[in-house]
Amino acid sequence: MARKKKERKLQLPDVILNEAKIEMISNREIIVDGCKGVIEYGENLIKLNIGELVLSLVGDNMIIESFDSGVAIIRGRFAEIDFIS
């Protein structure tokens, strides 16, 4: 007797789909998946557009190591991390 497989599609709420994912490794590296663009870029201040919020990073010797397909990798020594609406 053959069983029919039922397909089920996973429905994720829009809130999850449109939110940035931020991963922090100590105070030396931050990976932002869902970055829409760079607003401000300097050695001591980086501001990223992450949708409805701006991610503000304050620190020393900060660089954007990579920015590809909405994923930004920032390295440096972070002192402050703020979300600005």
C-alpha atoms as a PDB file:
ATOM      1  CA  MET A   1       0.000   0.000   0.000  1.00  0.00           C
ATOM      2  CA  ALA A   2       1.583   3.271  -1.140  1.00  0.00           C
ATOM      3  CA  ARG A   3       1.399   6.282   1.128  1.00  0.00           C
ATOM      4  CA  LYS A   4       0.895   9.736  -0.245  1.00  0.00           C
ATOM      5  CA  LYS A   5       3.202  12.367   1.135  1.00  0.00           C
ATOM      6  CA  LYS A   6       1.581  15.598   2.053  1.00  0.00           C
ATOM      7  CA  GLU A   7       3.601  18.687   1.282  1.00  0.00           C
ATOM      8  CA  ARG A   8       3.572  21.373   3.902  1.00  0.00           C
ATOM      9  CA  LYS A   9       5.033  24.761   3.307  1.00  0.00           C
ATOM     10  CA  LEU A  10       6.648  26.506   6.216  1.00  0.00           C
ATOM     11  CA  GLN A  11       5.015  29.876   6.699  1.00  0.00           C
ATOM     12  CA  LEU A  12       7.241  32.385   8.480  1.00  0.00           C
ATOM     13  CA  PRO A  13       5.810  35.659   9.745  1.00  0.00           C
ATOM     14  CA  ASP A  14       7.001  38.779   7.921  1.00  0.00           C
ATOM     15  CA  VAL A  15       8.586  40.023  11.147  1.00  0.00           C
ATOM     16  CA  ILE A  16      11.136  37.221  11.089  1.00  0.00           C
ATOM     17  CA  LEU A  17      11.816  37.551   7.368  1.00  0.00           C
ATOM     18  CA  ASN A  18      12.549  41.299   7.514  1.00  0.00           C
ATOM     19  CA  GLU A  19      14.713  41.403  10.630  1.00  0.00           C
ATOM     20  CA  ALA A  20      18.497  41.593  10.612  1.00  0.00           C
ATOM     21  CA  LYS A  21      20.450  38.848  12.330  1.00  0.00           C
ATOM     22  CA  ILE A  22      23.427  40.110  14.324  1.00  0.00           C
ATOM     23  CA  GLU A  23      26.188  37.844  15.595  1.00  0.00           C
ATOM     24  CA  MET A  24      28.902  39.207  17.853  1.00  0.00           C
ATOM     25  CA  ILE A  25      32.200  37.501  18.579  1.00  0.00           C
ATOM     26  CA  SER A  26      33.604  39.063  21.756  1.00  0.00           C
ATOM     27  CA  ASN A  27      34.109  42.789  21.194  1.00  0.00           C
ATOM     28  CA  ARG A  28      36.240  42.174  18.074  1.00  0.00           C
ATOM     29  CA  GLU A  29      33.873  41.084  15.283  1.00  0.00           C
ATOM     30  CA  ILE A  30      30.233  41.639  14.350  1.00  0.00           C
ATOM     31  CA  ILE A  31      28.419  39.890  11.506  1.00  0.00           C
ATOM     32  CA  VAL A  32      25.223  41.595  10.339  1.00  0.00           C
ATOM     33  CA  ASP A  33      23.009  39.531   8.032  1.00  0.00           C
ATOM     34  CA  GLY A  34      20.270  41.735   6.597  1.00  0.00           C
ATOM     35  CA  CYS A  35      22.292  44.930   6.265  1.00  0.00           C
ATOM     36  CA  LYS A  36      20.674  47.246   3.721  1.00  0.00           C
ATOM     37  CA  GLY A  37      23.544  49.727   3.473  1.00  0.00           C
ATOM     38  CA  VAL A  38      26.225  51.809   5.144  1.00  0.00           C
ATOM     39  CA  ILE A  39      25.077  55.194   6.442  1.00  0.00           C
ATOM     40  CA  GLU A  40      28.321  56.368   8.025  1.00  0.00           C
ATOM     41  CA  TYR A  41      31.787  54.850   7.977  1.00  0.00           C
ATOM     42  CA  GLY A  42      34.819  55.856   9.984  1.00  0.00           C
ATOM     43  CA  GLU A  43      37.523  54.318  12.145  1.00  0.00           C
ATOM     44  CA  ASN A  44      35.613  55.157  15.345  1.00  0.00           C
ATOM     45  CA  LEU A  45      31.969  55.141  14.167  1.00  0.00           C
ATOM     46  CA  ILE A  46      30.026  52.920  11.768  1.00  0.00           C
ATOM     47  CA  LYS A  47      26.273  53.226  11.181  1.00  0.00           C
ATOM     48  CA  LEU A  48      24.416  50.549   9.238  1.00  0.00           C
ATOM     49  CA  ASN A  49      20.886  50.552   7.845  1.00  0.00           C
ATOM     50  CA  ILE A  50      19.239  47.353   9.088  1.00  0.00           C
ATOM     51  CA  GLY A  51      15.701  48.108   7.962  1.00  0.00           C
ATOM     52  CA  GLU A  52      13.558  50.002  10.406  1.00  0.00           C
ATOM     53  CA  LEU A  53      16.563  50.600  12.674  1.00  0.00           C
ATOM     54  CA  VAL A  54      20.091  51.932  12.384  1.00  0.00           C
ATOM     55  CA  LEU A  55      22.849  49.917  14.026  1.00  0.00           C
ATOM     56  CA  SER A  56      25.459  52.295  15.472  1.00  0.00           C
ATOM     57  CA  LEU A  57      28.876  50.898  16.382  1.00  0.00           C
ATOM     58  CA  VAL A  58      31.389  52.990  18.337  1.00  0.00           C
ATOM     59  CA  GLY A  59      34.931  51.805  18.958  1.00  0.00           C
ATOM     60  CA  ASP A  60      38.531  51.863  17.740  1.00  0.00           C
ATOM     61  CA  ASN A  61      40.240  50.657  14.562  1.00  0.00           C
ATOM     62  CA  MET A  62      36.949  49.534  13.038  1.00  0.00           C
ATOM     63  CA  ILE A  63      36.829  48.375   9.430  1.00  0.00           C
ATOM     64  CA  ILE A  64      34.190  46.795   7.242  1.00  0.00           C
ATOM     65  CA  GLU A  65      36.021  43.632   6.312  1.00  0.00           C
ATOM     66  CA  SER A  66      33.349  42.469   3.882  1.00  0.00           C
ATOM     67  CA  PHE A  67      29.937  43.564   2.590  1.00  0.00           C
ATOM     68  CA  ASP A  68      28.305  41.147   0.171  1.00  0.00           C
ATOM     69  CA  SER A  69      24.690  40.089  -0.439  1.00  0.00           C
ATOM     70  CA  GLY A  70      23.414  41.956   2.619  1.00  0.00           C
ATOM     71  CA  VAL A  71      26.005  40.485   4.990  1.00  0.00           C
ATOM     72  CA  ALA A  72      28.457  42.909   6.596  1.00  0.00           C
ATOM     73  CA  ILE A  73      31.460  41.767   8.616  1.00  0.00           C
ATOM     74  CA  ILE A  74      32.930  44.477  10.827  1.00  0.00           C
ATOM     75  CA  ARG A  75      36.143  44.085  12.793  1.00  0.00           C
ATOM     76  CA  GLY A  76      37.744  46.304  15.393  1.00  0.00           C
ATOM     77  CA  ARG A  77      37.396  46.959  19.100  1.00  0.00           C
ATOM     78  CA  PHE A  78      33.774  47.782  19.931  1.00  0.00           C
ATOM     79  CA  ALA A  79      32.924  49.965  22.914  1.00  0.00           C
ATOM     80  CA  GLU A  80      29.242  50.768  22.249  1.00  0.00           C
ATOM     81  CA  ILE A  81      26.462  49.202  20.230  1.00  0.00           C
ATOM     82  CA  ASP A  82      23.190  51.112  19.832  1.00  0.00           C
ATOM     83  CA  PHE A  83      19.963  50.681  17.907  1.00  0.00           C
ATOM     84  CA  ILE A  84      18.516  53.962  16.646  1.00  0.00           C
ATOM     85  CA  SER A  85      14.921  54.179  15.434  1.00  0.00           C
END
